[in-house]
Amino acid sequence: MTHIRIAKKTPSGLSLDVDFPLARGVTALYGPAGGGKSLLLESVAGFVQPDSGRILLDDAILFDAAARVAVPPRRRSIGYVFQGLALVPHMTLERNVAFAAHRWPRLERHRRVAEMLERFELSEAGGLLPARASAAQKLRCAVARALIGEPKLLLLEDAGVDEPLLARIREGFQNPILLVTDDLDLCAAAGELILLEAGRIVERGPARALLDRPQSVEAVRLLGIPNLFEGTIAALDPGRNSSRLDFGAFSLSGPYLPGHFRGDRVSIAVRPDALRVHAGKAAAGENLVAAALIRVWERARWVRMEFSGGIFADLSREEYLRQKDNQDWRIEFPSESLLVL
């Protein structure tokens, strides 16, 4: 069992207070800068001592404030890839990897280093000093160095890890990985996702489910979903499994909301790519909202459109080009896409 329950107050005013189990596979930590992600990793690694709590790694106690147990970092069997990578500048990439394999006998050390260099495509670059290596080579070297000692836990700070590299790590490493990232696409590739803000866990759960259907206003804001509206329940119909939600400038039909009453205040969130955009005259159906186009943001493969009322819709470039000359707009809110919070 691996479980992290710690609290730590810093001079800067941040108060970290988290409690969660850590399963095998990748757990992504996502949240704003200064929210406690790096402090959490440093506490688990043993570089920072929490004020209270307990850290278990594979049933071994690494830290217990009540029992005054604090295992030194070098004895925690944890690999750490720092944001700045922390490679030794006067050592080649190969020697940086070998430096972390000192506990093995010489022949075994050479074998393991050679395997790591090949696994992370560093065989030809192993003789380079970090200053002459590419950013990708340095990152792969830092990962290889962290893994060569066969740690029971791998900590990956926000160092530029992408999906292919994460997949390569997972091919030969079955123990838990705690990953700090600001890339939501990379979060989607994780098994678990933790949203962290101001030192506390806002929401935690299976990554894909949390990204698709966050359960709180705070989580919606952290995930950057721009369509967030506060309104009132105007009607509830359990027989038809429906509700009517009033947002002042517009109203929408939604699913029935058990445990709520007419007049209750609720918030809804809708992903921009879930909205459908129509020319006004051609629009038909329910949950259509008339809106004026305010501005357009071009992206590499899609377009974000901002409409009056704080409505944002994402379209493919082909769909946008087909409709861009519209003078009258209707935005469709599919009822199944409404996240009622």
C-alpha atoms as a PDB file:
ATOM      1  CA  MET A   1       0.000   0.000   0.000  1.00  0.00           C
ATOM      2  CA  THR A   2       1.216   3.477  -0.879  1.00  0.00           C
ATOM      3  CA  HIS A   3      -0.542   6.392   0.810  1.00  0.00           C
ATOM      4  CA  ILE A   4       0.323  10.062   1.261  1.00  0.00           C
ATOM      5  CA  ARG A   5      -1.230  12.087   4.071  1.00  0.00           C
ATOM      6  CA  ILE A   6       0.729  15.215   4.924  1.00  0.00           C
ATOM      7  CA  ALA A   7       0.321  18.828   5.986  1.00  0.00           C
ATOM      8  CA  LYS A   8       2.930  21.555   5.647  1.00  0.00           C
ATOM      9  CA  LYS A   9       2.836  25.324   6.118  1.00  0.00           C
ATOM     10  CA  THR A  10       5.453  27.416   4.332  1.00  0.00           C
ATOM     11  CA  PRO A  11       6.798  30.908   5.115  1.00  0.00           C
ATOM     12  CA  SER A  12       5.187  32.128   1.888  1.00  0.00           C
ATOM     13  CA  GLY A  13       1.753  31.369   3.330  1.00  0.00           C
ATOM     14  CA  LEU A  14       1.009  28.190   1.376  1.00  0.00           C
ATOM     15  CA  SER A  15      -0.649  25.504   3.478  1.00  0.00           C
ATOM     16  CA  LEU A  16      -0.346  22.061   1.907  1.00  0.00           C
ATOM     17  CA  ASP A  17      -2.867  19.536   3.245  1.00  0.00           C
ATOM     18  CA  VAL A  18      -3.407  16.377   1.180  1.00  0.00           C
ATOM     19  CA  ASP A  19      -4.554  12.821   1.780  1.00  0.00           C
ATOM     20  CA  PHE A  20      -4.690  10.244  -1.031  1.00  0.00           C
ATOM     21  CA  PRO A  21      -3.676   6.687  -1.936  1.00  0.00           C
ATOM     22  CA  LEU A  22      -1.234   6.175  -4.791  1.00  0.00           C
ATOM     23  CA  ALA A  23      -1.930   3.237  -7.087  1.00  0.00           C
ATOM     24  CA  ARG A  24       0.327   1.597  -9.656  1.00  0.00           C
ATOM     25  CA  GLY A  25       0.354   3.468 -12.921  1.00  0.00           C
ATOM     26  CA  VAL A  26       0.465   7.201 -13.553  1.00  0.00           C
ATOM     27  CA  THR A  27      -1.161   9.743 -11.254  1.00  0.00           C
ATOM     28  CA  ALA A  28      -1.082  13.264 -12.709  1.00  0.00           C
ATOM     29  CA  LEU A  29      -0.975  16.378 -10.539  1.00  0.00           C
ATOM     30  CA  TYR A  30      -2.542  19.403 -12.233  1.00  0.00           C
ATOM     31  CA  GLY A  31      -3.121  22.915 -10.946  1.00  0.00           C
ATOM     32  CA  PRO A  32      -1.932  26.522 -11.008  1.00  0.00           C
ATOM     33  CA  ALA A  33       1.628  27.609 -10.256  1.00  0.00           C
ATOM     34  CA  GLY A  34       2.250  28.001  -6.548  1.00  0.00           C
ATOM     35  CA  GLY A  35      -0.483  25.526  -5.659  1.00  0.00           C
ATOM     36  CA  GLY A  36       1.801  23.073  -3.855  1.00  0.00           C
ATOM     37  CA  LYS A  37       2.625  20.499  -6.550  1.00  0.00           C
ATOM     38  CA  SER A  38       6.409  20.775  -6.228  1.00  0.00           C
ATOM     39  CA  LEU A  39       6.177  21.022  -2.435  1.00  0.00           C
ATOM     40  CA  LEU A  40       4.221  17.765  -2.441  1.00  0.00           C
ATOM     41  CA  LEU A  41       6.880  15.984  -4.510  1.00  0.00           C
ATOM     42  CA  GLU A  42       9.703  17.369  -2.365  1.00  0.00           C
ATOM     43  CA  SER A  43       7.910  16.199   0.783  1.00  0.00           C
ATOM     44  CA  VAL A  44       7.441  12.687  -0.598  1.00  0.00           C
ATOM     45  CA  ALA A  45      11.078  12.561  -1.709  1.00  0.00           C
ATOM     46  CA  GLY A  46      12.254  13.648   1.745  1.00  0.00           C
ATOM     47  CA  PHE A  47      13.789  17.002   0.792  1.00  0.00           C
ATOM     48  CA  VAL A  48      11.112  18.815   2.813  1.00  0.00           C
ATOM     49  CA  GLN A  49       9.784  17.517   6.128  1.00  0.00           C
ATOM     50  CA  PRO A  50       6.016  17.953   6.597  1.00  0.00           C
ATOM     51  CA  ASP A  51       4.602  19.353   9.825  1.00  0.00           C
ATOM     52  CA  SER A  52       2.286  16.391  10.283  1.00  0.00           C
ATOM     53  CA  GLY A  53       1.032  13.244   8.591  1.00  0.00           C
ATOM     54  CA  ARG A  54       2.334   9.947   7.297  1.00  0.00           C
ATOM     55  CA  ILE A  55       3.859   8.639   4.057  1.00  0.00           C
ATOM     56  CA  LEU A  56       3.692   4.931   3.236  1.00  0.00           C
ATOM     57  CA  LEU A  57       5.499   3.458   0.238  1.00  0.00           C
ATOM     58  CA  ASP A  58       4.730  -0.176  -0.500  1.00  0.00           C
ATOM     59  CA  ASP A  59       3.758  -0.603   3.201  1.00  0.00           C
ATOM     60  CA  ALA A  60       7.078   0.863   4.390  1.00  0.00           C
ATOM     61  CA  ILE A  61       6.874   3.999   6.550  1.00  0.00           C
ATOM     62  CA  LEU A  62       8.916   6.825   5.024  1.00  0.00           C
ATOM     63  CA  PHE A  63       7.559   9.539   7.264  1.00  0.00           C
ATOM     64  CA  ASP A  64       5.434   9.579  10.395  1.00  0.00           C
ATOM     65  CA  ALA A  65       5.271  12.821  12.348  1.00  0.00           C
ATOM     66  CA  ALA A  66       3.663  11.242  15.413  1.00  0.00           C
ATOM     67  CA  ALA A  67       6.292   8.482  15.618  1.00  0.00           C
ATOM     68  CA  ARG A  68       9.112  10.893  14.647  1.00  0.00           C
ATOM     69  CA  VAL A  69      10.122   8.769  11.683  1.00  0.00           C
ATOM     70  CA  ALA A  70      11.743  10.506   8.700  1.00  0.00           C
ATOM     71  CA  VAL A  71      13.695   8.241   6.358  1.00  0.00           C
ATOM     72  CA  PRO A  72      16.498  10.172   4.556  1.00  0.00           C
ATOM     73  CA  PRO A  73      15.971  10.791   0.820  1.00  0.00           C
ATOM     74  CA  ARG A  74      18.777   8.448  -0.232  1.00  0.00           C
ATOM     75  CA  ARG A  75      17.069   5.515   1.542  1.00  0.00           C
ATOM     76  CA  ARG A  76      13.514   6.077   0.253  1.00  0.00           C
ATOM     77  CA  SER A  77      13.910   4.154  -3.024  1.00  0.00           C
ATOM     78  CA  ILE A  78      12.367   7.040  -4.957  1.00  0.00           C
ATOM     79  CA  GLY A  79      13.448   8.256  -8.393  1.00  0.00           C
ATOM     80  CA  TYR A  80      13.056  11.989  -8.984  1.00  0.00           C
ATOM     81  CA  VAL A  81      13.218  13.851 -12.305  1.00  0.00           C
ATOM     82  CA  PHE A  82      13.533  17.506 -11.352  1.00  0.00           C
ATOM     83  CA  GLN A  83      12.102  20.342 -13.413  1.00  0.00           C
ATOM     84  CA  GLY A  84      15.633  21.597 -14.074  1.00  0.00           C
ATOM     85  CA  LEU A  85      16.836  17.984 -14.608  1.00  0.00           C
ATOM     86  CA  ALA A  86      19.848  18.577 -12.284  1.00  0.00           C
ATOM     87  CA  LEU A  87      22.360  16.758 -14.493  1.00  0.00           C
ATOM     88  CA  VAL A  88      25.999  16.986 -13.397  1.00  0.00           C
ATOM     89  CA  PRO A  89      27.433  19.383 -16.019  1.00  0.00           C
ATOM     90  CA  HIS A  90      31.017  18.042 -16.097  1.00  0.00           C
ATOM     91  CA  MET A  91      29.860  14.425 -16.567  1.00  0.00           C
ATOM     92  CA  THR A  92      28.768  12.931 -19.883  1.00  0.00           C
ATOM     93  CA  LEU A  93      25.210  11.709 -20.239  1.00  0.00           C
ATOM     94  CA  GLU A  94      26.460   8.142 -19.810  1.00  0.00           C
ATOM     95  CA  ARG A  95      28.325   8.995 -16.615  1.00  0.00           C
ATOM     96  CA  ASN A  96      25.268  10.827 -15.259  1.00  0.00           C
ATOM     97  CA  VAL A  97      23.283   7.618 -15.644  1.00  0.00           C
ATOM     98  CA  ALA A  98      26.113   5.473 -14.228  1.00  0.00           C
ATOM     99  CA  PHE A  99      26.444   7.767 -11.207  1.00  0.00           C
ATOM    100  CA  ALA A 100      23.008   6.606 -10.004  1.00  0.00           C
ATOM    101  CA  ALA A 101      23.960   2.931 -10.416  1.00  0.00           C
ATOM    102  CA  HIS A 102      26.872   2.944  -7.982  1.00  0.00           C
ATOM    103  CA  ARG A 103      25.354   0.252  -5.730  1.00  0.00           C
ATOM    104  CA  TRP A 104      25.706  -2.407  -8.439  1.00  0.00           C
ATOM    105  CA  PRO A 105      28.962  -4.343  -9.021  1.00  0.00           C
ATOM    106  CA  ARG A 106      31.046  -3.004 -11.908  1.00  0.00           C
ATOM    107  CA  LEU A 107      30.002  -5.514 -14.609  1.00  0.00           C
ATOM    108  CA  GLU A 108      26.332  -5.345 -13.617  1.00  0.00           C
ATOM    109  CA  ARG A 109      26.537  -1.546 -13.565  1.00  0.00           C
ATOM    110  CA  HIS A 110      27.934  -1.456 -17.104  1.00  0.00           C
ATOM    111  CA  ARG A 111      25.193  -3.787 -18.305  1.00  0.00           C
ATOM    112  CA  ARG A 112      22.404  -1.746 -16.716  1.00  0.00           C
ATOM    113  CA  VAL A 113      23.793   1.540 -18.012  1.00  0.00           C
ATOM    114  CA  ALA A 114      24.051   0.158 -21.542  1.00  0.00           C
ATOM    115  CA  GLU A 115      20.454  -1.091 -21.358  1.00  0.00           C
ATOM    116  CA  MET A 116      19.192   2.264 -20.126  1.00  0.00           C
ATOM    117  CA  LEU A 117      21.064   4.181 -22.806  1.00  0.00           C
ATOM    118  CA  GLU A 118      19.591   1.938 -25.489  1.00  0.00           C
ATOM    119  CA  ARG A 119      16.085   2.057 -24.009  1.00  0.00           C
ATOM    120  CA  PHE A 120      16.056   5.855 -24.032  1.00  0.00           C
ATOM    121  CA  GLU A 121      17.895   6.257 -27.353  1.00  0.00           C
ATOM    122  CA  LEU A 122      21.055   7.649 -25.808  1.00  0.00           C
ATOM    123  CA  SER A 123      23.609   5.078 -26.983  1.00  0.00           C
ATOM    124  CA  GLU A 124      25.120   7.414 -29.581  1.00  0.00           C
ATOM    125  CA  ALA A 125      24.735  10.554 -27.443  1.00  0.00           C
ATOM    126  CA  GLY A 126      26.131   9.033 -24.237  1.00  0.00           C
ATOM    127  CA  GLY A 127      29.515  10.665 -24.697  1.00  0.00           C
ATOM    128  CA  LEU A 128      28.089  14.183 -24.835  1.00  0.00           C
ATOM    129  CA  LEU A 129      28.296  16.629 -21.987  1.00  0.00           C
ATOM    130  CA  PRO A 130      24.889  18.043 -20.992  1.00  0.00           C
ATOM    131  CA  ALA A 131      25.783  21.436 -22.464  1.00  0.00           C
ATOM    132  CA  ARG A 132      26.148  19.854 -25.920  1.00  0.00           C
ATOM    133  CA  ALA A 133      23.098  17.606 -25.729  1.00  0.00           C
ATOM    134  CA  SER A 134      19.640  18.541 -26.952  1.00  0.00           C
ATOM    135  CA  ALA A 135      16.833  19.279 -24.505  1.00  0.00           C
ATOM    136  CA  ALA A 136      15.177  15.958 -25.387  1.00  0.00           C
ATOM    137  CA  GLN A 137      18.422  14.031 -24.820  1.00  0.00           C
ATOM    138  CA  LYS A 138      18.966  15.675 -21.444  1.00  0.00           C
ATOM    139  CA  LEU A 139      15.413  14.865 -20.380  1.00  0.00           C
ATOM    140  CA  ARG A 140      15.748  11.218 -21.423  1.00  0.00           C
ATOM    141  CA  CYS A 141      19.067  11.073 -19.549  1.00  0.00           C
ATOM    142  CA  ALA A 142      17.434  12.413 -16.370  1.00  0.00           C
ATOM    143  CA  VAL A 143      14.679   9.810 -16.673  1.00  0.00           C
ATOM    144  CA  ALA A 144      17.191   6.996 -17.264  1.00  0.00           C
ATOM    145  CA  ARG A 145      19.204   8.132 -14.239  1.00  0.00           C
ATOM    146  CA  ALA A 146      16.066   8.131 -12.067  1.00  0.00           C
ATOM    147  CA  LEU A 147      15.054   4.640 -13.175  1.00  0.00           C
ATOM    148  CA  ILE A 148      18.347   2.792 -13.168  1.00  0.00           C
ATOM    149  CA  GLY A 149      18.252   2.266  -9.401  1.00  0.00           C
ATOM    150  CA  GLU A 150      14.894   0.433  -9.691  1.00  0.00           C
ATOM    151  CA  PRO A 151      12.913   2.810  -7.461  1.00  0.00           C
ATOM    152  CA  LYS A 152       9.583   1.879  -5.924  1.00  0.00           C
ATOM    153  CA  LEU A 153       8.147   5.286  -6.891  1.00  0.00           C
ATOM    154  CA  LEU A 154       9.007   7.723  -9.680  1.00  0.00           C
ATOM    155  CA  LEU A 155       8.413  11.456  -9.250  1.00  0.00           C
ATOM    156  CA  LEU A 156       8.283  13.464 -12.465  1.00  0.00           C
ATOM    157  CA  GLU A 157       8.293  17.214 -12.037  1.00  0.00           C
ATOM    158  CA  ASP A 158       7.071  19.409 -14.896  1.00  0.00           C
ATOM    159  CA  ALA A 159      10.154  18.858 -17.068  1.00  0.00           C
ATOM    160  CA  GLY A 160       8.671  18.507 -20.558  1.00  0.00           C
ATOM    161  CA  VAL A 161       7.681  14.837 -20.470  1.00  0.00           C
ATOM    162  CA  ASP A 162       5.356  14.007 -23.378  1.00  0.00           C
ATOM    163  CA  GLU A 163       3.115  11.021 -24.137  1.00  0.00           C
ATOM    164  CA  PRO A 164       5.698   8.975 -26.109  1.00  0.00           C
ATOM    165  CA  LEU A 165       8.282   9.351 -23.340  1.00  0.00           C
ATOM    166  CA  LEU A 166       5.711   8.548 -20.664  1.00  0.00           C
ATOM    167  CA  ALA A 167       4.708   5.412 -22.585  1.00  0.00           C
ATOM    168  CA  ARG A 168       8.361   4.394 -22.831  1.00  0.00           C
ATOM    169  CA  ILE A 169       8.791   4.826 -19.085  1.00  0.00           C
ATOM    170  CA  ARG A 170       5.726   2.686 -18.423  1.00  0.00           C
ATOM    171  CA  GLU A 171       6.997  -0.141 -20.664  1.00  0.00           C
ATOM    172  CA  GLY A 172       9.647  -1.107 -18.150  1.00  0.00           C
ATOM    173  CA  PHE A 173       8.399   0.446 -14.916  1.00  0.00           C
ATOM    174  CA  GLN A 174       5.320  -0.959 -13.194  1.00  0.00           C
ATOM    175  CA  ASN A 175       5.523   0.954  -9.915  1.00  0.00           C
ATOM    176  CA  PRO A 176       3.586   4.172  -9.163  1.00  0.00           C
ATOM    177  CA  ILE A 177       4.446   7.387 -11.004  1.00  0.00           C
ATOM    178  CA  LEU A 178       3.483  10.804  -9.643  1.00  0.00           C
ATOM    179  CA  LEU A 179       3.611  13.296 -12.502  1.00  0.00           C
ATOM    180  CA  VAL A 180       3.364  17.094 -12.285  1.00  0.00           C
ATOM    181  CA  THR A 181       2.203  18.580 -15.576  1.00  0.00           C
ATOM    182  CA  ASP A 182       0.375  21.573 -17.026  1.00  0.00           C
ATOM    183  CA  ASP A 183      -0.581  19.582 -20.149  1.00  0.00           C
ATOM    184  CA  LEU A 184      -4.191  18.357 -20.032  1.00  0.00           C
ATOM    185  CA  ASP A 185      -3.536  15.994 -22.947  1.00  0.00           C
ATOM    186  CA  LEU A 186      -0.850  14.329 -20.834  1.00  0.00           C
ATOM    187  CA  CYS A 187      -3.271  14.217 -17.897  1.00  0.00           C
ATOM    188  CA  ALA A 188      -5.682  12.298 -20.123  1.00  0.00           C
ATOM    189  CA  ALA A 189      -2.987   9.644 -20.621  1.00  0.00           C
ATOM    190  CA  ALA A 190      -2.712   9.108 -16.848  1.00  0.00           C
ATOM    191  CA  GLY A 191      -4.734   6.609 -14.882  1.00  0.00           C
ATOM    192  CA  GLU A 192      -5.588   8.990 -12.041  1.00  0.00           C
ATOM    193  CA  LEU A 193      -5.793  12.770 -11.921  1.00  0.00           C
ATOM    194  CA  ILE A 194      -5.488  15.049  -8.900  1.00  0.00           C
ATOM    195  CA  LEU A 195      -6.501  18.706  -9.190  1.00  0.00           C
ATOM    196  CA  LEU A 196      -4.501  20.708  -6.672  1.00  0.00           C
ATOM    197  CA  GLU A 197      -5.050  24.366  -5.780  1.00  0.00           C
ATOM    198  CA  ALA A 198      -3.751  26.408  -2.840  1.00  0.00           C
ATOM    199  CA  GLY A 199      -2.376  23.256  -1.238  1.00  0.00           C
ATOM    200  CA  ARG A 200      -5.628  21.280  -1.199  1.00  0.00           C
ATOM    201  CA  ILE A 201      -7.124  18.614  -3.429  1.00  0.00           C
ATOM    202  CA  VAL A 202     -10.043  20.122  -5.325  1.00  0.00           C
ATOM    203  CA  GLU A 203     -10.998  16.862  -7.011  1.00  0.00           C
ATOM    204  CA  ARG A 204      -9.456  13.425  -7.559  1.00  0.00           C
ATOM    205  CA  GLY A 205     -10.438  10.430  -9.655  1.00  0.00           C
ATOM    206  CA  PRO A 206      -9.936   8.476 -12.890  1.00  0.00           C
ATOM    207  CA  ALA A 207      -8.349  10.933 -15.304  1.00  0.00           C
ATOM    208  CA  ARG A 208     -10.656  10.486 -18.294  1.00  0.00           C
ATOM    209  CA  ALA A 209     -13.810  10.627 -16.177  1.00  0.00           C
ATOM    210  CA  LEU A 210     -12.657  13.709 -14.275  1.00  0.00           C
ATOM    211  CA  LEU A 211     -11.689  15.549 -17.458  1.00  0.00           C
ATOM    212  CA  ASP A 212     -15.006  14.705 -19.118  1.00  0.00           C
ATOM    213  CA  ARG A 213     -17.284  15.365 -16.150  1.00  0.00           C
ATOM    214  CA  PRO A 214     -15.772  17.424 -13.326  1.00  0.00           C
ATOM    215  CA  GLN A 215     -18.032  17.540 -10.297  1.00  0.00           C
ATOM    216  CA  SER A 216     -17.435  21.031  -8.899  1.00  0.00           C
ATOM    217  CA  VAL A 217     -17.222  24.647  -9.994  1.00  0.00           C
ATOM    218  CA  GLU A 218     -13.639  24.785  -8.687  1.00  0.00           C
ATOM    219  CA  ALA A 219     -12.630  21.822 -10.846  1.00  0.00           C
ATOM    220  CA  VAL A 220     -14.295  23.342 -13.928  1.00  0.00           C
ATOM    221  CA  ARG A 221     -12.337  26.553 -13.441  1.00  0.00           C
ATOM    222  CA  LEU A 222      -9.056  24.712 -12.890  1.00  0.00           C
ATOM    223  CA  LEU A 223      -9.584  22.713 -16.082  1.00  0.00           C
ATOM    224  CA  GLY A 224     -10.147  25.929 -18.035  1.00  0.00           C
ATOM    225  CA  ILE A 225     -13.688  25.198 -19.212  1.00  0.00           C
ATOM    226  CA  PRO A 226     -14.894  28.710 -20.148  1.00  0.00           C
ATOM    227  CA  ASN A 227     -18.642  28.029 -20.383  1.00  0.00           C
ATOM    228  CA  LEU A 228     -19.750  28.302 -16.762  1.00  0.00           C
ATOM    229  CA  PHE A 229     -23.174  29.762 -15.993  1.00  0.00           C
ATOM    230  CA  GLU A 230     -25.095  30.250 -12.765  1.00  0.00           C
ATOM    231  CA  GLY A 231     -28.863  30.025 -12.878  1.00  0.00           C
ATOM    232  CA  THR A 232     -32.071  28.862 -11.230  1.00  0.00           C
ATOM    233  CA  ILE A 233     -34.115  25.687 -11.561  1.00  0.00           C
ATOM    234  CA  ALA A 234     -37.338  26.903 -13.173  1.00  0.00           C
ATOM    235  CA  ALA A 235     -39.065  23.506 -13.459  1.00  0.00           C
ATOM    236  CA  LEU A 236     -38.538  19.833 -12.587  1.00  0.00           C
ATOM    237  CA  ASP A 237     -40.339  16.944 -14.278  1.00  0.00           C
ATOM    238  CA  PRO A 238     -39.325  13.516 -12.908  1.00  0.00           C
ATOM    239  CA  GLY A 239     -41.815  11.770 -15.215  1.00  0.00           C
ATOM    240  CA  ARG A 240     -40.017  13.083 -18.296  1.00  0.00           C
ATOM    241  CA  ASN A 241     -36.611  12.992 -16.612  1.00  0.00           C
ATOM    242  CA  SER A 242     -36.102  16.671 -17.414  1.00  0.00           C
ATOM    243  CA  SER A 243     -35.603  20.081 -15.879  1.00  0.00           C
ATOM    244  CA  ARG A 244     -35.765  23.679 -17.027  1.00  0.00           C
ATOM    245  CA  LEU A 245     -32.884  25.943 -16.094  1.00  0.00           C
ATOM    246  CA  ASP A 246     -33.159  29.740 -16.247  1.00  0.00           C
ATOM    247  CA  PHE A 247     -30.025  31.836 -16.743  1.00  0.00           C
ATOM    248  CA  GLY A 248     -31.662  35.218 -17.218  1.00  0.00           C
ATOM    249  CA  ALA A 249     -30.638  35.905 -20.804  1.00  0.00           C
ATOM    250  CA  PHE A 250     -31.562  32.366 -21.873  1.00  0.00           C
ATOM    251  CA  SER A 251     -33.035  29.118 -20.553  1.00  0.00           C
ATOM    252  CA  LEU A 252     -32.144  25.489 -21.227  1.00  0.00           C
ATOM    253  CA  SER A 253     -33.685  22.056 -20.894  1.00  0.00           C
ATOM    254  CA  GLY A 254     -31.563  19.655 -18.899  1.00  0.00           C
ATOM    255  CA  PRO A 255     -31.764  16.284 -17.168  1.00  0.00           C
ATOM    256  CA  TYR A 256     -33.886  15.780 -14.064  1.00  0.00           C
ATOM    257  CA  LEU A 257     -31.970  16.812 -10.939  1.00  0.00           C
ATOM    258  CA  PRO A 258     -32.771  14.511  -8.009  1.00  0.00           C
ATOM    259  CA  GLY A 259     -32.371  16.114  -4.612  1.00  0.00           C
ATOM    260  CA  HIS A 260     -33.077  19.609  -5.970  1.00  0.00           C
ATOM    261  CA  PHE A 261     -36.137  21.834  -5.797  1.00  0.00           C
ATOM    262  CA  ARG A 262     -37.665  24.467  -8.006  1.00  0.00           C
ATOM    263  CA  GLY A 263     -35.950  27.792  -7.279  1.00  0.00           C
ATOM    264  CA  ASP A 264     -32.609  26.239  -6.295  1.00  0.00           C
ATOM    265  CA  ARG A 265     -29.491  27.938  -7.598  1.00  0.00           C
ATOM    266  CA  VAL A 266     -27.258  25.728  -9.747  1.00  0.00           C
ATOM    267  CA  SER A 267     -24.275  26.133 -12.032  1.00  0.00           C
ATOM    268  CA  ILE A 268     -23.758  24.422 -15.362  1.00  0.00           C
ATOM    269  CA  ALA A 269     -20.601  23.943 -17.376  1.00  0.00           C
ATOM    270  CA  VAL A 270     -20.348  22.988 -21.039  1.00  0.00           C
ATOM    271  CA  ARG A 271     -17.201  22.187 -22.952  1.00  0.00           C
ATOM    272  CA  PRO A 272     -16.692  24.498 -25.946  1.00  0.00           C
ATOM    273  CA  ASP A 273     -16.301  21.526 -28.306  1.00  0.00           C
ATOM    274  CA  ALA A 274     -19.676  20.145 -27.157  1.00  0.00           C
ATOM    275  CA  LEU A 275     -21.599  23.193 -28.412  1.00  0.00           C
ATOM    276  CA  ARG A 276     -23.003  23.290 -31.939  1.00  0.00           C
ATOM    277  CA  VAL A 277     -23.049  26.463 -33.978  1.00  0.00           C
ATOM    278  CA  HIS A 278     -25.783  27.138 -36.569  1.00  0.00           C
ATOM    279  CA  ALA A 279     -26.805  29.849 -38.976  1.00  0.00           C
ATOM    280  CA  GLY A 280     -29.889  31.419 -37.425  1.00  0.00           C
ATOM    281  CA  LYS A 281     -32.334  30.679 -40.253  1.00  0.00           C
ATOM    282  CA  ALA A 282     -31.215  27.053 -40.538  1.00  0.00           C
ATOM    283  CA  ALA A 283     -31.317  26.291 -36.816  1.00  0.00           C
ATOM    284  CA  ALA A 284     -33.888  23.884 -35.442  1.00  0.00           C
ATOM    285  CA  GLY A 285     -34.247  22.020 -32.163  1.00  0.00           C
ATOM    286  CA  GLU A 286     -34.207  22.756 -28.441  1.00  0.00           C
ATOM    287  CA  ASN A 287     -31.648  24.600 -26.338  1.00  0.00           C
ATOM    288  CA  LEU A 288     -30.903  27.125 -29.086  1.00  0.00           C
ATOM    289  CA  VAL A 289     -29.527  30.443 -27.870  1.00  0.00           C
ATOM    290  CA  ALA A 290     -29.277  33.506 -30.114  1.00  0.00           C
ATOM    291  CA  ALA A 291     -25.916  35.234 -29.707  1.00  0.00           C
ATOM    292  CA  ALA A 292     -23.692  37.766 -31.440  1.00  0.00           C
ATOM    293  CA  LEU A 293     -20.173  36.791 -32.501  1.00  0.00           C
ATOM    294  CA  ILE A 294     -17.612  38.896 -30.636  1.00  0.00           C
ATOM    295  CA  ARG A 295     -14.220  37.509 -31.667  1.00  0.00           C
ATOM    296  CA  VAL A 296     -12.451  34.505 -33.130  1.00  0.00           C
ATOM    297  CA  TRP A 297      -9.194  32.839 -32.068  1.00  0.00           C
ATOM    298  CA  GLU A 298      -7.327  30.816 -34.680  1.00  0.00           C
ATOM    299  CA  ARG A 299      -5.662  27.601 -33.557  1.00  0.00           C
ATOM    300  CA  ALA A 300      -3.562  25.111 -35.506  1.00  0.00           C
ATOM    301  CA  ARG A 301      -6.413  22.661 -36.178  1.00  0.00           C
ATOM    302  CA  TRP A 302      -9.499  24.338 -34.736  1.00  0.00           C
ATOM    303  CA  VAL A 303     -11.091  27.705 -34.100  1.00  0.00           C
ATOM    304  CA  ARG A 304     -12.506  29.150 -30.870  1.00  0.00           C
ATOM    305  CA  MET A 305     -15.459  31.503 -31.239  1.00  0.00           C
ATOM    306  CA  GLU A 306     -16.564  33.864 -28.477  1.00  0.00           C
ATOM    307  CA  PHE A 307     -20.210  34.924 -28.456  1.00  0.00           C
ATOM    308  CA  SER A 308     -22.160  37.392 -26.358  1.00  0.00           C
ATOM    309  CA  GLY A 309     -23.257  36.138 -22.968  1.00  0.00           C
ATOM    310  CA  GLY A 310     -19.878  34.556 -22.259  1.00  0.00           C
ATOM    311  CA  ILE A 311     -20.470  31.618 -24.625  1.00  0.00           C
ATOM    312  CA  PHE A 312     -17.463  29.916 -26.226  1.00  0.00           C
ATOM    313  CA  ALA A 313     -17.599  27.294 -28.973  1.00  0.00           C
ATOM    314  CA  ASP A 314     -14.782  25.312 -30.597  1.00  0.00           C
ATOM    315  CA  LEU A 315     -15.175  24.324 -34.248  1.00  0.00           C
ATOM    316  CA  SER A 316     -12.995  22.488 -36.695  1.00  0.00           C
ATOM    317  CA  ARG A 317     -11.423  24.813 -39.244  1.00  0.00           C
ATOM    318  CA  GLU A 318     -13.548  23.256 -41.992  1.00  0.00           C
ATOM    319  CA  GLU A 319     -16.770  23.889 -40.073  1.00  0.00           C
ATOM    320  CA  TYR A 320     -15.751  27.444 -39.226  1.00  0.00           C
ATOM    321  CA  LEU A 321     -14.856  28.295 -42.824  1.00  0.00           C
ATOM    322  CA  ARG A 322     -18.217  26.940 -43.943  1.00  0.00           C
ATOM    323  CA  GLN A 323     -20.108  29.224 -41.566  1.00  0.00           C
ATOM    324  CA  LYS A 324     -17.840  32.217 -41.024  1.00  0.00           C
ATOM    325  CA  ASP A 325     -19.954  34.583 -43.149  1.00  0.00           C
ATOM    326  CA  ASN A 326     -23.101  34.020 -41.075  1.00  0.00           C
ATOM    327  CA  GLN A 327     -24.812  37.197 -39.888  1.00  0.00           C
ATOM    328  CA  ASP A 328     -27.231  35.501 -37.509  1.00  0.00           C
ATOM    329  CA  TRP A 329     -26.026  32.884 -35.021  1.00  0.00           C
ATOM    330  CA  ARG A 330     -27.729  30.248 -32.893  1.00  0.00           C
ATOM    331  CA  ILE A 331     -25.754  28.219 -30.358  1.00  0.00           C
ATOM    332  CA  GLU A 332     -27.095  24.768 -29.510  1.00  0.00           C
ATOM    333  CA  PHE A 333     -26.540  23.376 -26.019  1.00  0.00           C
ATOM    334  CA  PRO A 334     -27.092  19.581 -26.285  1.00  0.00           C
ATOM    335  CA  SER A 335     -28.784  18.536 -23.054  1.00  0.00           C
ATOM    336  CA  GLU A 336     -26.471  15.536 -22.650  1.00  0.00           C
ATOM    337  CA  SER A 337     -23.460  17.898 -22.653  1.00  0.00           C
ATOM    338  CA  LEU A 338     -24.646  19.981 -19.670  1.00  0.00           C
ATOM    339  CA  LEU A 339     -22.620  19.431 -16.521  1.00  0.00           C
ATOM    340  CA  VAL A 340     -24.919  20.457 -13.685  1.00  0.00           C
ATOM    341  CA  LEU A 341     -22.877  21.337 -10.608  1.00  0.00           C
END
